[in-house]
Amino acid sequence: MKIQNTIRQAVLLGLLSLSLGCNKPTTAEGGAQSPAGAEKPKKIAFVTNGVASFWTIAAAGVKAASRDLKIDAQTLMPAEGIGDQKRMIEDLLTRGIDGIALSPIDPVNQTDLINTAAKRTKVITHDSDAPQSERLLYIGMDNYMAGRMCGELVREAMPKGGTVMLFIGRLEQDNSKRRRQGVIDAVLGRSGNSAHFDETSAVLEGGGFKILGTLTDQFDRAKGKANAEDALAKYPDLGCMVGLFGYNPPLIIEALSQSNKLGTVKLVAFDEDDATLDGIEKGTVFGTVVQNPYMYGYKSVEVLSELLKGNAAAVGAEKFLDIPARKIRKDNVGEFRTELKARLDAAQ
């Protein structure tokens, strides 16, 4: 069952919303409308860390929550990185936004910005956290544990061990650092230590595996594909490639196909891009670890709505709303695609 057309249409809508949002925040399609004379609904912005099909699914959750909870919620996708995200936040604050759910691109260097925003509105984080900031709550998964799940898939795909190369967008984000480290520790058979960080250029060995390095692309798709091509050329006996951002696995698939190694070199993925799910069905992708971006969007709106009503208990004692990751293999990919399509269709 394909969801590509649905995702493409939604991406176009998301980009249109983005272009409008840079100048004037707009109500998400399906957002609450106020009768004449009635109190206007509170305004919430769900700000992503880029433009991707992953965020289109999250936007569907935002839209559904906006409709269900009768609150004015919009999704903004920064196409040009941290500067674009910063401009969006500053613009939202100028226009008096009531709540922001943010996926920080560089939480360390954005802490001051997040704290400034937190003094003027309700701020939570999603997908990637900024734990040192004054955000009220983080919604997402434990990225270190999700990384370990991905590493477990690598070990299943290569029961006799072998060489592995990791591919990821960037490592400035809190989620990417933890996710990558989880993969490394699980593949090498280490005990859990989410605070540890192995250098990207280090060759790491353990338990019959050798991790050759980590290649980043800063969300540049051309660079991401070139990284995969270069790794295949440099390491002709490469055993497994691991794509840790949603767009990485499809780019690796292209590189493998062009080098006639699709199905020969193992591929383990992250997230639910349509090409990744196609690959699992065909047997050219061993498996993927998926988040639940739809619920990231829905729960972000729901929590902010409760906070705006004065319900401080909505953040919980841990200030962390865990939305667990899942492993998707050939035996459950069909069920997963059906579930995903139903959610996207319902948000239209």
C-alpha atoms as a PDB file:
ATOM      1  CA  MET A   1       0.000   0.000   0.000  1.00  0.00           C
ATOM      2  CA  LYS A   2       1.523   3.270  -1.050  1.00  0.00           C
ATOM      3  CA  ILE A   3       1.399   6.563   0.840  1.00  0.00           C
ATOM      4  CA  GLN A   4       3.804   8.467  -1.412  1.00  0.00           C
ATOM      5  CA  ASN A   5       1.163  10.576  -3.186  1.00  0.00           C
ATOM      6  CA  THR A   6      -0.440  11.506   0.113  1.00  0.00           C
ATOM      7  CA  ILE A   7       2.928  12.521   1.546  1.00  0.00           C
ATOM      8  CA  ARG A   8       3.887  14.545  -1.538  1.00  0.00           C
ATOM      9  CA  GLN A   9       0.626  16.471  -1.420  1.00  0.00           C
ATOM     10  CA  ALA A  10       1.050  17.144   2.265  1.00  0.00           C
ATOM     11  CA  VAL A  11       4.669  18.275   1.767  1.00  0.00           C
ATOM     12  CA  LEU A  12       3.483  20.846  -0.759  1.00  0.00           C
ATOM     13  CA  LEU A  13       0.892  22.089   1.727  1.00  0.00           C
ATOM     14  CA  GLY A  14       3.569  22.235   4.416  1.00  0.00           C
ATOM     15  CA  LEU A  15       5.898  24.241   2.199  1.00  0.00           C
ATOM     16  CA  LEU A  16       3.080  26.643   1.323  1.00  0.00           C
ATOM     17  CA  SER A  17       2.366  27.086   5.013  1.00  0.00           C
ATOM     18  CA  LEU A  18       6.086  27.710   5.554  1.00  0.00           C
ATOM     19  CA  SER A  19       6.300  30.403   2.894  1.00  0.00           C
ATOM     20  CA  LEU A  20       3.315  32.178   4.416  1.00  0.00           C
ATOM     21  CA  GLY A  21       4.560  31.635   7.929  1.00  0.00           C
ATOM     22  CA  CYS A  22       7.842  33.465   7.322  1.00  0.00           C
ATOM     23  CA  ASN A  23       5.878  36.700   7.018  1.00  0.00           C
ATOM     24  CA  LYS A  24       2.618  36.015   8.820  1.00  0.00           C
ATOM     25  CA  PRO A  25       1.825  32.941  10.888  1.00  0.00           C
ATOM     26  CA  THR A  26      -1.270  31.242   9.554  1.00  0.00           C
ATOM     27  CA  THR A  27      -3.850  28.923  11.034  1.00  0.00           C
ATOM     28  CA  ALA A  28      -3.226  25.303  10.118  1.00  0.00           C
ATOM     29  CA  GLU A  29      -5.811  23.911   7.728  1.00  0.00           C
ATOM     30  CA  GLY A  30      -8.651  22.649   9.864  1.00  0.00           C
ATOM     31  CA  GLY A  31      -7.772  24.990  12.760  1.00  0.00           C
ATOM     32  CA  ALA A  32     -10.460  26.308  15.054  1.00  0.00           C
ATOM     33  CA  GLN A  33     -12.460  29.325  13.943  1.00  0.00           C
ATOM     34  CA  SER A  34     -14.153  31.794  16.311  1.00  0.00           C
ATOM     35  CA  PRO A  35     -17.704  33.087  15.863  1.00  0.00           C
ATOM     36  CA  ALA A  36     -18.129  36.869  15.814  1.00  0.00           C
ATOM     37  CA  GLY A  37     -17.813  38.243  19.328  1.00  0.00           C
ATOM     38  CA  ALA A  38     -16.438  35.005  20.783  1.00  0.00           C
ATOM     39  CA  GLU A  39     -13.049  34.743  22.418  1.00  0.00           C
ATOM     40  CA  LYS A  40     -10.426  33.930  19.820  1.00  0.00           C
ATOM     41  CA  PRO A  41      -8.783  30.532  20.191  1.00  0.00           C
ATOM     42  CA  LYS A  42      -5.258  30.375  21.517  1.00  0.00           C
ATOM     43  CA  LYS A  43      -2.537  30.205  18.882  1.00  0.00           C
ATOM     44  CA  ILE A  44       0.073  27.444  18.891  1.00  0.00           C
ATOM     45  CA  ALA A  45       3.021  26.882  16.555  1.00  0.00           C
ATOM     46  CA  PHE A  46       4.667  23.507  15.932  1.00  0.00           C
ATOM     47  CA  VAL A  47       8.152  24.286  14.607  1.00  0.00           C
ATOM     48  CA  THR A  48      10.176  21.488  13.007  1.00  0.00           C
ATOM     49  CA  ASN A  49      13.921  21.274  12.388  1.00  0.00           C
ATOM     50  CA  GLY A  50      13.623  20.983   8.603  1.00  0.00           C
ATOM     51  CA  VAL A  51      11.462  19.895   5.693  1.00  0.00           C
ATOM     52  CA  ALA A  52      10.891  16.144   5.334  1.00  0.00           C
ATOM     53  CA  SER A  53       8.137  13.566   4.906  1.00  0.00           C
ATOM     54  CA  PHE A  54       8.629  12.771   8.616  1.00  0.00           C
ATOM     55  CA  TRP A  55       7.428  16.282   9.430  1.00  0.00           C
ATOM     56  CA  THR A  56       4.500  15.978   7.046  1.00  0.00           C
ATOM     57  CA  ILE A  57       3.244  13.111   9.199  1.00  0.00           C
ATOM     58  CA  ALA A  58       3.746  15.244  12.319  1.00  0.00           C
ATOM     59  CA  ALA A  59       1.827  18.074  10.637  1.00  0.00           C
ATOM     60  CA  ALA A  60      -1.103  15.697  10.148  1.00  0.00           C
ATOM     61  CA  GLY A  61      -1.122  15.136  13.913  1.00  0.00           C
ATOM     62  CA  VAL A  62      -1.038  18.896  14.530  1.00  0.00           C
ATOM     63  CA  LYS A  63      -3.958  19.350  12.170  1.00  0.00           C
ATOM     64  CA  ALA A  64      -5.996  16.598  13.801  1.00  0.00           C
ATOM     65  CA  ALA A  65      -5.395  18.006  17.298  1.00  0.00           C
ATOM     66  CA  SER A  66      -6.231  21.501  16.094  1.00  0.00           C
ATOM     67  CA  ARG A  67      -9.577  20.208  14.863  1.00  0.00           C
ATOM     68  CA  ASP A  68     -10.320  17.970  17.854  1.00  0.00           C
ATOM     69  CA  LEU A  69      -9.317  20.483  20.514  1.00  0.00           C
ATOM     70  CA  LYS A  70     -10.628  23.565  18.707  1.00  0.00           C
ATOM     71  CA  ILE A  71      -7.348  25.419  18.945  1.00  0.00           C
ATOM     72  CA  ASP A  72      -5.496  27.438  16.314  1.00  0.00           C
ATOM     73  CA  ALA A  73      -2.384  25.371  15.525  1.00  0.00           C
ATOM     74  CA  GLN A  74       0.051  25.743  12.643  1.00  0.00           C
ATOM     75  CA  THR A  75       3.116  23.823  11.478  1.00  0.00           C
ATOM     76  CA  LEU A  76       6.220  25.687  10.351  1.00  0.00           C
ATOM     77  CA  MET A  77       9.127  23.947   8.603  1.00  0.00           C
ATOM     78  CA  PRO A  78      12.433  25.862   8.353  1.00  0.00           C
ATOM     79  CA  ALA A  79      13.932  25.071   4.970  1.00  0.00           C
ATOM     80  CA  GLU A  80      17.226  26.884   5.545  1.00  0.00           C
ATOM     81  CA  GLY A  81      18.501  25.590   8.845  1.00  0.00           C
ATOM     82  CA  ILE A  82      19.119  27.260  12.177  1.00  0.00           C
ATOM     83  CA  GLY A  83      18.910  30.846  10.925  1.00  0.00           C
ATOM     84  CA  ASP A  84      15.523  30.176   9.387  1.00  0.00           C
ATOM     85  CA  GLN A  85      14.287  28.518  12.576  1.00  0.00           C
ATOM     86  CA  LYS A  86      15.497  31.466  14.654  1.00  0.00           C
ATOM     87  CA  ARG A  87      13.660  33.953  12.422  1.00  0.00           C
ATOM     88  CA  MET A  88      10.461  31.918  12.736  1.00  0.00           C
ATOM     89  CA  ILE A  89      10.604  31.887  16.530  1.00  0.00           C
ATOM     90  CA  GLU A  90      11.335  35.607  16.732  1.00  0.00           C
ATOM     91  CA  ASP A  91       8.464  36.348  14.345  1.00  0.00           C
ATOM     92  CA  LEU A  92       6.072  34.178  16.357  1.00  0.00           C
ATOM     93  CA  LEU A  93       7.008  35.999  19.565  1.00  0.00           C
ATOM     94  CA  THR A  94       6.530  39.373  17.906  1.00  0.00           C
ATOM     95  CA  ARG A  95       3.047  38.330  16.836  1.00  0.00           C
ATOM     96  CA  GLY A  96       2.106  37.160  20.301  1.00  0.00           C
ATOM     97  CA  ILE A  97       1.993  33.388  19.902  1.00  0.00           C
ATOM     98  CA  ASP A  98       0.538  31.600  22.926  1.00  0.00           C
ATOM     99  CA  GLY A  99       2.619  28.428  22.726  1.00  0.00           C
ATOM    100  CA  ILE A 100       5.521  26.965  20.775  1.00  0.00           C
ATOM    101  CA  ALA A 101       6.505  23.325  20.315  1.00  0.00           C
ATOM    102  CA  LEU A 102      10.055  23.318  18.962  1.00  0.00           C
ATOM    103  CA  SER A 103      12.508  20.741  17.637  1.00  0.00           C
ATOM    104  CA  PRO A 104      15.809  22.566  18.265  1.00  0.00           C
ATOM    105  CA  ILE A 105      18.450  22.271  15.565  1.00  0.00           C
ATOM    106  CA  ASP A 106      21.356  23.155  17.874  1.00  0.00           C
ATOM    107  CA  PRO A 107      20.094  23.115  21.475  1.00  0.00           C
ATOM    108  CA  VAL A 108      23.366  24.233  23.059  1.00  0.00           C
ATOM    109  CA  ASN A 109      23.633  27.352  20.926  1.00  0.00           C
ATOM    110  CA  GLN A 110      19.876  27.964  20.970  1.00  0.00           C
ATOM    111  CA  THR A 111      19.458  27.826  24.748  1.00  0.00           C
ATOM    112  CA  ASP A 112      19.347  31.630  25.099  1.00  0.00           C
ATOM    113  CA  LEU A 113      16.759  31.897  22.336  1.00  0.00           C
ATOM    114  CA  ILE A 114      14.607  29.170  23.905  1.00  0.00           C
ATOM    115  CA  ASN A 115      14.879  30.804  27.343  1.00  0.00           C
ATOM    116  CA  THR A 116      13.890  34.177  25.885  1.00  0.00           C
ATOM    117  CA  ALA A 117      10.879  32.563  24.253  1.00  0.00           C
ATOM    118  CA  ALA A 118       9.991  30.747  27.496  1.00  0.00           C
ATOM    119  CA  LYS A 119       9.730  34.076  29.318  1.00  0.00           C
ATOM    120  CA  ARG A 120       7.101  35.281  26.832  1.00  0.00           C
ATOM    121  CA  THR A 121       5.109  32.151  25.978  1.00  0.00           C
ATOM    122  CA  LYS A 122       4.693  28.461  26.757  1.00  0.00           C
ATOM    123  CA  VAL A 123       7.576  26.489  25.212  1.00  0.00           C
ATOM    124  CA  ILE A 124       7.981  22.736  24.932  1.00  0.00           C
ATOM    125  CA  THR A 125      10.342  20.675  22.797  1.00  0.00           C
ATOM    126  CA  HIS A 126       9.595  17.659  20.642  1.00  0.00           C
ATOM    127  CA  ASP A 127      11.662  15.110  18.684  1.00  0.00           C
ATOM    128  CA  SER A 128      14.936  16.647  19.896  1.00  0.00           C
ATOM    129  CA  ASP A 129      15.313  18.124  23.364  1.00  0.00           C
ATOM    130  CA  ALA A 130      17.097  21.138  24.817  1.00  0.00           C
ATOM    131  CA  PRO A 131      17.554  19.762  28.346  1.00  0.00           C
ATOM    132  CA  GLN A 132      19.552  22.732  29.657  1.00  0.00           C
ATOM    133  CA  SER A 133      16.908  25.249  28.616  1.00  0.00           C
ATOM    134  CA  GLU A 134      13.800  26.482  30.402  1.00  0.00           C
ATOM    135  CA  ARG A 135      11.432  24.527  28.173  1.00  0.00           C
ATOM    136  CA  LEU A 136       8.532  23.047  30.122  1.00  0.00           C
ATOM    137  CA  LEU A 137       8.453  19.534  28.679  1.00  0.00           C
ATOM    138  CA  TYR A 138      10.050  17.266  26.093  1.00  0.00           C
ATOM    139  CA  ILE A 139       7.793  15.112  23.916  1.00  0.00           C
ATOM    140  CA  GLY A 140       9.428  12.283  22.029  1.00  0.00           C
ATOM    141  CA  MET A 141      11.275   9.069  22.598  1.00  0.00           C
ATOM    142  CA  ASP A 142      14.452   8.105  24.383  1.00  0.00           C
ATOM    143  CA  ASN A 143      16.763   8.502  21.406  1.00  0.00           C
ATOM    144  CA  TYR A 144      19.572   6.536  23.016  1.00  0.00           C
ATOM    145  CA  MET A 145      17.322   3.523  23.536  1.00  0.00           C
ATOM    146  CA  ALA A 146      15.908   3.892  20.024  1.00  0.00           C
ATOM    147  CA  GLY A 147      19.474   3.918  18.744  1.00  0.00           C
ATOM    148  CA  ARG A 148      20.123   0.691  20.617  1.00  0.00           C
ATOM    149  CA  MET A 149      17.067  -0.813  18.917  1.00  0.00           C
ATOM    150  CA  CYS A 150      18.588   0.155  15.575  1.00  0.00           C
ATOM    151  CA  GLY A 151      21.889  -1.422  16.612  1.00  0.00           C
ATOM    152  CA  GLU A 152      20.035  -4.616  17.511  1.00  0.00           C
ATOM    153  CA  LEU A 153      18.666  -4.712  13.953  1.00  0.00           C
ATOM    154  CA  VAL A 154      22.240  -4.432  12.649  1.00  0.00           C
ATOM    155  CA  ARG A 155      23.264  -7.433  14.726  1.00  0.00           C
ATOM    156  CA  GLU A 156      20.238  -9.387  13.452  1.00  0.00           C
ATOM    157  CA  ALA A 157      21.090  -8.485   9.862  1.00  0.00           C
ATOM    158  CA  MET A 158      24.756  -9.517  10.336  1.00  0.00           C
ATOM    159  CA  PRO A 159      24.796 -12.401  12.843  1.00  0.00           C
ATOM    160  CA  LYS A 160      28.450 -13.160  12.032  1.00  0.00           C
ATOM    161  CA  GLY A 161      29.577  -9.550  12.392  1.00  0.00           C
ATOM    162  CA  GLY A 162      31.263  -7.335   9.811  1.00  0.00           C
ATOM    163  CA  THR A 163      31.938  -3.741   8.856  1.00  0.00           C
ATOM    164  CA  VAL A 164      29.412  -0.939   9.379  1.00  0.00           C
ATOM    165  CA  MET A 165      29.189   2.715   8.287  1.00  0.00           C
ATOM    166  CA  LEU A 166      26.807   5.220   9.871  1.00  0.00           C
ATOM    167  CA  PHE A 167      25.109   8.099   8.012  1.00  0.00           C
ATOM    168  CA  ILE A 168      23.305  10.994   9.703  1.00  0.00           C
ATOM    169  CA  GLY A 169      22.274  14.564   8.953  1.00  0.00           C
ATOM    170  CA  ARG A 170      24.061  16.387  11.743  1.00  0.00           C
ATOM    171  CA  LEU A 171      25.282  15.792  15.271  1.00  0.00           C
ATOM    172  CA  GLU A 172      24.552  19.197  16.804  1.00  0.00           C
ATOM    173  CA  GLN A 173      21.066  17.982  17.767  1.00  0.00           C
ATOM    174  CA  ASP A 174      20.548  16.255  21.090  1.00  0.00           C
ATOM    175  CA  ASN A 175      18.519  13.457  19.474  1.00  0.00           C
ATOM    176  CA  SER A 176      21.124  12.671  16.821  1.00  0.00           C
ATOM    177  CA  LYS A 177      23.994  12.414  19.317  1.00  0.00           C
ATOM    178  CA  ARG A 178      22.043  10.020  21.526  1.00  0.00           C
ATOM    179  CA  ARG A 179      20.651   7.987  18.641  1.00  0.00           C
ATOM    180  CA  ARG A 180      24.073   7.455  17.075  1.00  0.00           C
ATOM    181  CA  GLN A 181      25.653   6.500  20.400  1.00  0.00           C
ATOM    182  CA  GLY A 182      22.896   4.006  21.063  1.00  0.00           C
ATOM    183  CA  VAL A 183      23.570   2.315  17.723  1.00  0.00           C
ATOM    184  CA  ILE A 184      27.309   2.138  18.385  1.00  0.00           C
ATOM    185  CA  ASP A 185      26.944   0.744  21.896  1.00  0.00           C
ATOM    186  CA  ALA A 186      24.429  -1.920  20.843  1.00  0.00           C
ATOM    187  CA  VAL A 187      26.391  -3.026  17.775  1.00  0.00           C
ATOM    188  CA  LEU A 188      29.613  -3.342  19.766  1.00  0.00           C
ATOM    189  CA  GLY A 189      27.898  -5.122  22.658  1.00  0.00           C
ATOM    190  CA  ARG A 190      28.551  -2.389  25.196  1.00  0.00           C
ATOM    191  CA  SER A 191      26.456  -1.698  28.273  1.00  0.00           C
ATOM    192  CA  GLY A 192      24.290   1.416  28.195  1.00  0.00           C
ATOM    193  CA  ASN A 193      25.934   4.814  28.586  1.00  0.00           C
ATOM    194  CA  SER A 194      23.998   7.610  26.912  1.00  0.00           C
ATOM    195  CA  ALA A 195      26.424  10.244  28.211  1.00  0.00           C
ATOM    196  CA  HIS A 196      29.347   8.782  26.240  1.00  0.00           C
ATOM    197  CA  PHE A 197      30.309  10.129  22.804  1.00  0.00           C
ATOM    198  CA  ASP A 198      32.622   8.379  20.337  1.00  0.00           C
ATOM    199  CA  GLU A 199      34.369  10.634  17.845  1.00  0.00           C
ATOM    200  CA  THR A 200      32.923  10.420  14.345  1.00  0.00           C
ATOM    201  CA  SER A 201      36.239   9.584  12.692  1.00  0.00           C
ATOM    202  CA  ALA A 202      37.155   6.818  15.134  1.00  0.00           C
ATOM    203  CA  VAL A 203      37.203   3.206  13.942  1.00  0.00           C
ATOM    204  CA  LEU A 204      35.436   1.236  16.660  1.00  0.00           C
ATOM    205  CA  GLU A 205      35.614  -2.530  17.152  1.00  0.00           C
ATOM    206  CA  GLY A 206      33.916  -5.077  19.373  1.00  0.00           C
ATOM    207  CA  GLY A 207      31.992  -8.336  19.273  1.00  0.00           C
ATOM    208  CA  GLY A 208      33.040  -9.144  15.714  1.00  0.00           C
ATOM    209  CA  PHE A 209      31.954  -5.752  14.357  1.00  0.00           C
ATOM    210  CA  LYS A 210      33.958  -2.823  13.072  1.00  0.00           C
ATOM    211  CA  ILE A 211      32.256   0.592  12.795  1.00  0.00           C
ATOM    212  CA  LEU A 212      34.270   2.480  10.209  1.00  0.00           C
ATOM    213  CA  GLY A 213      32.965   5.963  11.005  1.00  0.00           C
ATOM    214  CA  THR A 214      30.040   8.371  10.871  1.00  0.00           C
ATOM    215  CA  LEU A 215      29.370  10.601   7.857  1.00  0.00           C
ATOM    216  CA  THR A 216      27.246  13.760   8.219  1.00  0.00           C
ATOM    217  CA  ASP A 217      25.590  15.849   5.510  1.00  0.00           C
ATOM    218  CA  GLN A 218      23.922  18.815   7.298  1.00  0.00           C
ATOM    219  CA  PHE A 219      20.570  18.036   5.643  1.00  0.00           C
ATOM    220  CA  ASP A 220      22.131  18.408   2.186  1.00  0.00           C
ATOM    221  CA  ARG A 221      20.608  15.573   0.168  1.00  0.00           C
ATOM    222  CA  ALA A 222      23.267  15.709  -2.542  1.00  0.00           C
ATOM    223  CA  LYS A 223      25.969  15.442   0.117  1.00  0.00           C
ATOM    224  CA  GLY A 224      24.086  12.604   1.786  1.00  0.00           C
ATOM    225  CA  LYS A 225      24.028  10.567  -1.406  1.00  0.00           C
ATOM    226  CA  ALA A 226      27.669  11.402  -2.138  1.00  0.00           C
ATOM    227  CA  ASN A 227      28.593  10.136   1.338  1.00  0.00           C
ATOM    228  CA  ALA A 228      26.959   6.793   0.568  1.00  0.00           C
ATOM    229  CA  GLU A 229      28.644   6.567  -2.828  1.00  0.00           C
ATOM    230  CA  ASP A 230      32.047   7.425  -1.363  1.00  0.00           C
ATOM    231  CA  ALA A 231      31.704   4.814   1.373  1.00  0.00           C
ATOM    232  CA  LEU A 232      30.845   2.106  -1.159  1.00  0.00           C
ATOM    233  CA  ALA A 233      33.824   3.079  -3.305  1.00  0.00           C
ATOM    234  CA  LYS A 234      36.269   3.294  -0.388  1.00  0.00           C
ATOM    235  CA  TYR A 235      35.135   0.084   1.325  1.00  0.00           C
ATOM    236  CA  PRO A 236      34.282  -2.513  -1.357  1.00  0.00           C
ATOM    237  CA  ASP A 237      33.645  -5.142   1.331  1.00  0.00           C
ATOM    238  CA  LEU A 238      31.348  -2.912   3.407  1.00  0.00           C
ATOM    239  CA  GLY A 239      28.829  -5.125   5.176  1.00  0.00           C
ATOM    240  CA  CYS A 240      26.117  -2.776   6.446  1.00  0.00           C
ATOM    241  CA  MET A 241      25.049   0.841   5.988  1.00  0.00           C
ATOM    242  CA  VAL A 242      22.904   2.520   8.652  1.00  0.00           C
ATOM    243  CA  GLY A 243      20.856   5.624   7.791  1.00  0.00           C
ATOM    244  CA  LEU A 244      19.888   7.492  10.966  1.00  0.00           C
ATOM    245  CA  PHE A 245      17.803  10.392   9.626  1.00  0.00           C
ATOM    246  CA  GLY A 246      14.649   9.698   7.663  1.00  0.00           C
ATOM    247  CA  TYR A 247      16.031  10.831   4.304  1.00  0.00           C
ATOM    248  CA  ASN A 248      19.321   8.929   4.662  1.00  0.00           C
ATOM    249  CA  PRO A 249      18.039   5.410   3.856  1.00  0.00           C
ATOM    250  CA  PRO A 250      16.416   6.407   0.504  1.00  0.00           C
ATOM    251  CA  LEU A 251      19.672   8.090  -0.540  1.00  0.00           C
ATOM    252  CA  ILE A 252      21.615   4.969   0.444  1.00  0.00           C
ATOM    253  CA  ILE A 253      19.167   2.861  -1.561  1.00  0.00           C
ATOM    254  CA  GLU A 254      19.930   4.995  -4.643  1.00  0.00           C
ATOM    255  CA  ALA A 255      23.666   4.628  -4.126  1.00  0.00           C
ATOM    256  CA  LEU A 256      23.413   0.874  -3.604  1.00  0.00           C
ATOM    257  CA  SER A 257      21.245   0.470  -6.689  1.00  0.00           C
ATOM    258  CA  GLN A 258      23.644   2.421  -8.868  1.00  0.00           C
ATOM    259  CA  SER A 259      26.581   0.331  -7.648  1.00  0.00           C
ATOM    260  CA  ASN A 260      24.669  -2.948  -8.145  1.00  0.00           C
ATOM    261  CA  LYS A 261      24.943  -3.742  -4.436  1.00  0.00           C
ATOM    262  CA  LEU A 262      21.290  -3.388  -3.497  1.00  0.00           C
ATOM    263  CA  GLY A 263      20.416  -6.473  -1.462  1.00  0.00           C
ATOM    264  CA  THR A 264      24.098  -7.422  -1.113  1.00  0.00           C
ATOM    265  CA  VAL A 265      25.143  -4.746   1.368  1.00  0.00           C
ATOM    266  CA  LYS A 266      22.792  -4.794   4.349  1.00  0.00           C
ATOM    267  CA  LEU A 267      20.807  -1.625   5.030  1.00  0.00           C
ATOM    268  CA  VAL A 268      19.288  -0.729   8.393  1.00  0.00           C
ATOM    269  CA  ALA A 269      17.200   2.401   8.589  1.00  0.00           C
ATOM    270  CA  PHE A 270      15.490   4.951  10.777  1.00  0.00           C
ATOM    271  CA  ASP A 271      12.022   6.448  10.273  1.00  0.00           C
ATOM    272  CA  GLU A 272       9.296   5.632   7.787  1.00  0.00           C
ATOM    273  CA  ASP A 273      10.096   7.172   4.413  1.00  0.00           C
ATOM    274  CA  ASP A 274       8.070   5.444   1.709  1.00  0.00           C
ATOM    275  CA  ALA A 275      11.207   4.254  -0.096  1.00  0.00           C
ATOM    276  CA  THR A 276      12.446   2.692   3.144  1.00  0.00           C
ATOM    277  CA  LEU A 277       9.186   0.812   3.664  1.00  0.00           C
ATOM    278  CA  ASP A 278       9.213  -0.295   0.017  1.00  0.00           C
ATOM    279  CA  GLY A 279      12.720  -1.648   0.583  1.00  0.00           C
ATOM    280  CA  ILE A 280      11.617  -3.629   3.627  1.00  0.00           C
ATOM    281  CA  GLU A 281       8.785  -5.189   1.614  1.00  0.00           C
ATOM    282  CA  LYS A 282      11.208  -6.071  -1.198  1.00  0.00           C
ATOM    283  CA  GLY A 283      13.867  -7.391   1.168  1.00  0.00           C
ATOM    284  CA  THR A 284      16.504  -4.805   0.202  1.00  0.00           C
ATOM    285  CA  VAL A 285      16.189  -3.022   3.571  1.00  0.00           C
ATOM    286  CA  PHE A 286      16.495  -5.270   6.613  1.00  0.00           C
ATOM    287  CA  GLY A 287      14.433  -3.123   8.942  1.00  0.00           C
ATOM    288  CA  THR A 288      13.855   0.322  10.389  1.00  0.00           C
ATOM    289  CA  VAL A 289      13.189   1.932  13.748  1.00  0.00           C
ATOM    290  CA  VAL A 290      10.228   4.273  13.576  1.00  0.00           C
ATOM    291  CA  GLN A 291       9.154   7.078  15.816  1.00  0.00           C
ATOM    292  CA  ASN A 292       5.594   8.337  15.961  1.00  0.00           C
ATOM    293  CA  PRO A 293       5.711  11.827  14.427  1.00  0.00           C
ATOM    294  CA  TYR A 294       1.919  11.941  14.150  1.00  0.00           C
ATOM    295  CA  MET A 295       1.676  11.712  17.946  1.00  0.00           C
ATOM    296  CA  TYR A 296       4.538  14.202  18.361  1.00  0.00           C
ATOM    297  CA  GLY A 297       2.322  16.688  16.566  1.00  0.00           C
ATOM    298  CA  TYR A 298      -0.926  15.714  18.267  1.00  0.00           C
ATOM    299  CA  LYS A 299       0.471  15.542  21.792  1.00  0.00           C
ATOM    300  CA  SER A 300       2.371  18.825  21.402  1.00  0.00           C
ATOM    301  CA  VAL A 301      -0.877  20.632  20.651  1.00  0.00           C
ATOM    302  CA  GLU A 302      -2.708  18.747  23.396  1.00  0.00           C
ATOM    303  CA  VAL A 303      -0.127  19.531  26.093  1.00  0.00           C
ATOM    304  CA  LEU A 304       0.175  23.193  25.116  1.00  0.00           C
ATOM    305  CA  SER A 305      -3.610  23.460  25.109  1.00  0.00           C
ATOM    306  CA  GLU A 306      -3.741  22.126  28.682  1.00  0.00           C
ATOM    307  CA  LEU A 307      -0.949  24.456  29.804  1.00  0.00           C
ATOM    308  CA  LEU A 308      -2.793  27.429  28.332  1.00  0.00           C
ATOM    309  CA  LYS A 309      -5.829  26.409  30.381  1.00  0.00           C
ATOM    310  CA  GLY A 310      -3.671  26.637  33.507  1.00  0.00           C
ATOM    311  CA  ASN A 311      -3.157  22.901  33.953  1.00  0.00           C
ATOM    312  CA  ALA A 312       0.490  22.873  35.054  1.00  0.00           C
ATOM    313  CA  ALA A 313       0.254  19.152  35.840  1.00  0.00           C
ATOM    314  CA  ALA A 314       0.258  18.480  32.084  1.00  0.00           C
ATOM    315  CA  VAL A 315       4.071  18.500  32.097  1.00  0.00           C
ATOM    316  CA  GLY A 316       4.306  15.615  34.588  1.00  0.00           C
ATOM    317  CA  ALA A 317       6.950  15.020  37.222  1.00  0.00           C
ATOM    318  CA  GLU A 318       9.601  13.892  34.725  1.00  0.00           C
ATOM    319  CA  LYS A 319       8.895  16.699  32.238  1.00  0.00           C
ATOM    320  CA  PHE A 320       9.149  14.015  29.561  1.00  0.00           C
ATOM    321  CA  LEU A 321       6.287  12.490  27.590  1.00  0.00           C
ATOM    322  CA  ASP A 322       7.643   9.237  26.207  1.00  0.00           C
ATOM    323  CA  ILE A 323       6.284   8.119  22.834  1.00  0.00           C
ATOM    324  CA  PRO A 324       8.160   4.833  22.291  1.00  0.00           C
ATOM    325  CA  ALA A 325       9.909   3.778  19.103  1.00  0.00           C
ATOM    326  CA  ARG A 326       9.132   0.532  17.247  1.00  0.00           C
ATOM    327  CA  LYS A 327      11.069  -1.896  15.091  1.00  0.00           C
ATOM    328  CA  ILE A 328       9.592  -2.481  11.645  1.00  0.00           C
ATOM    329  CA  ARG A 329      10.608  -5.577   9.703  1.00  0.00           C
ATOM    330  CA  LYS A 330       9.090  -7.457   6.786  1.00  0.00           C
ATOM    331  CA  ASP A 331       6.623  -9.258   9.032  1.00  0.00           C
ATOM    332  CA  ASN A 332       4.893  -6.088  10.270  1.00  0.00           C
ATOM    333  CA  VAL A 333       5.583  -3.468   7.587  1.00  0.00           C
ATOM    334  CA  GLY A 334       2.206  -3.992   5.896  1.00  0.00           C
ATOM    335  CA  GLU A 335       0.282  -3.422   9.118  1.00  0.00           C
ATOM    336  CA  PHE A 336       2.379  -0.341   9.862  1.00  0.00           C
ATOM    337  CA  ARG A 337       1.747   1.179   6.412  1.00  0.00           C
ATOM    338  CA  THR A 338      -1.991   0.648   6.775  1.00  0.00           C
ATOM    339  CA  GLU A 339      -1.944   2.414  10.144  1.00  0.00           C
ATOM    340  CA  LEU A 340       0.123   5.302   8.785  1.00  0.00           C
ATOM    341  CA  LYS A 341      -2.078   5.811   5.733  1.00  0.00           C
ATOM    342  CA  ALA A 342      -5.208   5.835   7.869  1.00  0.00           C
ATOM    343  CA  ARG A 343      -3.794   8.634  10.015  1.00  0.00           C
ATOM    344  CA  LEU A 344      -2.746  10.719   7.025  1.00  0.00           C
ATOM    345  CA  ASP A 345      -6.094  10.223   5.337  1.00  0.00           C
ATOM    346  CA  ALA A 346      -7.985  11.175   8.486  1.00  0.00           C
ATOM    347  CA  ALA A 347      -6.112  14.477   8.705  1.00  0.00           C
ATOM    348  CA  GLN A 348      -7.074  15.572   5.188  1.00  0.00           C
END
